[in-house]
Amino acid sequence: MDAPASLVRAARASAEDERRHVAMVSALDGRAVIDEPDSNELSLRSAFDVAKENAVEGCVRELFGVIVAQWQSEHSADERVRACYAEIARDEAQHAWLAGQLDEWLAARLTADERAKITAAKRDAINKLRAEQRASKGDAWLGMPDATVAMALVDGLAREMVAVG
């Protein structure tokens, strides 16, 4: 499965962004932990497996990451945190865009049944986000939304995903 060079370059740049984000957040509070994949664990996967992971982690969770980072950039009690998350939100928007591009590219390589399973995986990922956000306590310093706001943000994400298909 040879992805277009532009997607490969964008994926590598996104991975670099994620490492930079960990350093940025770690510099704020010292609690960030890098969870690097073990290169021995990486293996070739089917287009369906890649598409499913991208649907959940890229199309749903990255997009939610954009929304939350933007919220943090506007609502944190700390100016440094607001600036940090404004930059992270811009980067995460690029990552979400990449996930959408990869979603389209992979969909052309899947069967109708596999595409339906990808749609179901996105729906399940949104439902898991809802469950996770019900317990959100918020954090004024980090600008993290409380459960009520977080649920509204997930609902907005769900509406947007339904609108774009």
Protein backbone atom coordinates (compact mmCIF):
# COMPACT_ATOMS: atom_id res chain seq x y z
CA MET A 1 0.00 0.00 0.00
CA ASP A 2 2.05 2.91 -1.27
CA ALA A 3 0.57 6.17 -0.08
CA PRO A 4 1.20 9.32 -2.09
CA ALA A 5 4.44 11.05 -1.13
CA SER A 6 2.52 14.12 0.02
CA LEU A 7 0.62 12.06 2.61
CA VAL A 8 3.82 10.38 3.80
CA ARG A 9 5.56 13.76 4.22
CA ALA A 10 2.58 15.19 6.08
CA ALA A 11 2.45 12.14 8.38
CA ARG A 12 6.13 12.49 9.22
CA ALA A 13 5.69 16.21 9.91
CA SER A 14 2.70 15.43 12.15
CA ALA A 15 4.75 12.92 14.16
CA GLU A 16 7.40 15.60 14.64
CA ASP A 17 4.69 18.06 15.75
CA GLU A 18 3.46 15.57 18.36
CA ARG A 19 6.95 15.24 19.84
CA ARG A 20 7.19 19.04 19.95
CA HIS A 21 3.78 19.27 21.64
CA VAL A 22 4.94 16.93 24.41
CA ALA A 23 7.97 19.15 24.98
CA MET A 24 5.82 22.29 25.00
CA VAL A 25 3.30 20.93 27.49
CA SER A 26 6.06 19.39 29.59
CA ALA A 27 7.72 22.80 29.81
CA LEU A 28 4.45 24.19 31.21
CA ASP A 29 3.94 21.73 34.04
CA GLY A 30 6.54 18.94 33.85
CA ARG A 31 3.94 16.14 33.80
CA ALA A 32 3.86 15.24 30.10
CA VAL A 33 5.06 11.74 29.28
CA ILE A 34 6.27 10.67 25.84
CA ASP A 35 4.67 7.45 24.73
CA GLU A 36 6.77 6.52 21.72
CA PRO A 37 5.80 3.37 19.81
CA ASP A 38 8.33 0.58 19.87
CA SER A 39 9.61 0.26 16.31
CA ASN A 40 9.71 -3.51 16.80
CA GLU A 41 5.93 -3.43 17.27
CA LEU A 42 5.29 -1.72 13.94
CA SER A 43 4.22 -4.08 11.20
CA LEU A 44 2.51 -3.98 7.86
CA ARG A 45 -1.23 -3.77 8.22
CA SER A 46 -4.11 -4.05 5.84
CA ALA A 47 -5.69 -0.95 4.32
CA PHE A 48 -8.78 -1.68 6.44
CA ASP A 49 -6.78 -1.80 9.69
CA VAL A 50 -5.01 1.45 8.85
CA ALA A 51 -8.30 3.06 7.81
CA LYS A 52 -9.99 2.02 11.05
CA GLU A 53 -7.19 3.38 13.24
CA ASN A 54 -7.10 6.59 11.20
CA ALA A 55 -10.90 6.95 11.50
CA VAL A 56 -10.80 6.67 15.29
CA GLU A 57 -7.50 8.35 16.17
CA GLY A 58 -7.27 10.77 13.25
CA CYS A 59 -10.74 11.71 12.08
CA VAL A 60 -12.41 11.70 15.50
CA ARG A 61 -9.79 12.12 18.24
CA GLU A 62 -7.49 14.53 16.35
CA LEU A 63 -10.46 16.70 15.44
CA PHE A 64 -11.64 16.67 19.04
CA GLY A 65 -8.07 17.57 20.02
CA VAL A 66 -8.31 20.64 17.78
CA ILE A 67 -11.57 21.69 19.44
CA VAL A 68 -10.25 21.20 22.99
CA ALA A 69 -6.90 22.87 22.27
CA GLN A 70 -8.73 25.84 20.78
CA TRP A 71 -10.95 25.99 23.88
CA GLN A 72 -7.85 25.89 26.08
CA SER A 73 -6.21 28.66 24.05
CA GLU A 74 -9.20 30.86 24.81
CA HIS A 75 -10.10 29.84 28.38
CA SER A 76 -6.92 29.03 30.29
CA ALA A 77 -6.21 31.23 33.29
CA ASP A 78 -2.53 31.35 32.26
CA GLU A 79 -1.22 33.37 29.31
CA ARG A 80 1.58 30.84 28.61
CA VAL A 81 -0.92 27.99 28.48
CA ARG A 82 -3.18 29.97 26.13
CA ALA A 83 -0.25 30.64 23.76
CA CYS A 84 0.92 27.02 23.91
CA TYR A 85 -2.51 25.63 23.08
CA ALA A 86 -3.11 28.18 20.33
CA GLU A 87 -0.04 26.74 18.58
CA ILE A 88 -1.09 23.17 19.33
CA ALA A 89 -4.60 23.86 17.96
CA ARG A 90 -3.12 25.08 14.65
CA ASP A 91 -0.95 21.98 14.37
CA GLU A 92 -3.77 19.63 15.35
CA ALA A 93 -5.97 21.19 12.67
CA GLN A 94 -3.32 20.16 10.13
CA HIS A 95 -3.26 16.65 11.61
CA ALA A 96 -7.05 16.40 11.40
CA TRP A 97 -6.89 17.59 7.78
CA LEU A 98 -4.29 14.89 7.07
CA ALA A 99 -6.55 12.27 8.68
CA GLY A 100 -9.38 13.37 6.40
CA GLN A 101 -7.13 13.13 3.34
CA LEU A 102 -5.94 9.68 4.40
CA ASP A 103 -9.55 8.65 5.08
CA GLU A 104 -10.52 9.56 1.52
CA TRP A 105 -7.45 7.89 0.00
CA LEU A 106 -8.01 4.68 1.96
CA ALA A 107 -11.77 4.59 1.31
CA ALA A 108 -11.07 4.14 -2.40
CA ARG A 109 -9.16 0.96 -1.52
CA LEU A 110 -11.87 -0.58 0.67
CA THR A 111 -14.97 -2.60 -0.07
CA ALA A 112 -18.43 -1.17 0.61
CA ASP A 113 -18.69 -3.42 3.69
CA GLU A 114 -15.33 -2.17 5.00
CA ARG A 115 -16.35 1.46 4.42
CA ALA A 116 -19.53 0.81 6.44
CA LYS A 117 -17.39 -0.62 9.25
CA ILE A 118 -15.22 2.52 9.17
CA THR A 119 -18.32 4.69 9.51
CA ALA A 120 -19.42 2.57 12.47
CA ALA A 121 -15.95 2.89 14.04
CA LYS A 122 -16.21 6.70 13.83
CA ARG A 123 -19.65 6.58 15.47
CA ASP A 124 -18.30 4.31 18.23
CA ALA A 125 -15.32 6.64 18.77
CA ILE A 126 -17.67 9.60 19.24
CA ASN A 127 -19.71 7.60 21.74
CA LYS A 128 -16.53 6.73 23.66
CA LEU A 129 -15.58 10.41 23.70
CA ARG A 130 -19.01 11.20 25.17
CA ALA A 131 -18.49 8.62 27.91
CA GLU A 132 -15.01 9.96 28.70
CA GLN A 133 -16.13 13.59 28.80
CA ARG A 134 -19.02 12.95 31.20
CA ALA A 135 -16.43 12.75 34.00
CA SER A 136 -14.43 15.83 32.95
CA LYS A 137 -13.84 18.05 35.95
CA GLY A 138 -12.26 20.92 34.05
CA ASP A 139 -9.09 22.75 34.97
CA ALA A 140 -8.96 26.55 34.98
CA TRP A 141 -5.16 26.72 34.73
CA LEU A 142 -5.05 24.45 31.67
CA GLY A 143 -8.34 25.80 30.35
CA MET A 144 -9.82 22.31 30.23
CA PRO A 145 -13.61 22.35 29.85
CA ASP A 146 -15.85 20.91 32.54
CA ALA A 147 -18.21 18.03 31.74
CA THR A 148 -21.06 20.24 30.53
CA VAL A 149 -18.88 22.15 28.09
CA ALA A 150 -16.94 19.03 27.05
CA MET A 151 -20.19 17.23 26.22
CA ALA A 152 -21.34 20.21 24.15
CA LEU A 153 -18.01 20.14 22.29
CA VAL A 154 -18.41 16.41 21.54
CA ASP A 155 -21.98 17.02 20.37
CA GLY A 156 -20.73 19.75 18.02
CA LEU A 157 -18.08 17.38 16.67
CA ALA A 158 -20.72 14.69 16.10
CA ARG A 159 -22.99 17.12 14.22
CA GLU A 160 -20.08 18.28 12.05
CA MET A 161 -19.05 14.72 11.21
CA VAL A 162 -22.62 13.82 10.21
CA ALA A 163 -22.83 16.96 8.06
CA VAL A 164 -19.68 16.15 6.10
CA GLY A 165 -20.46 12.47 5.83
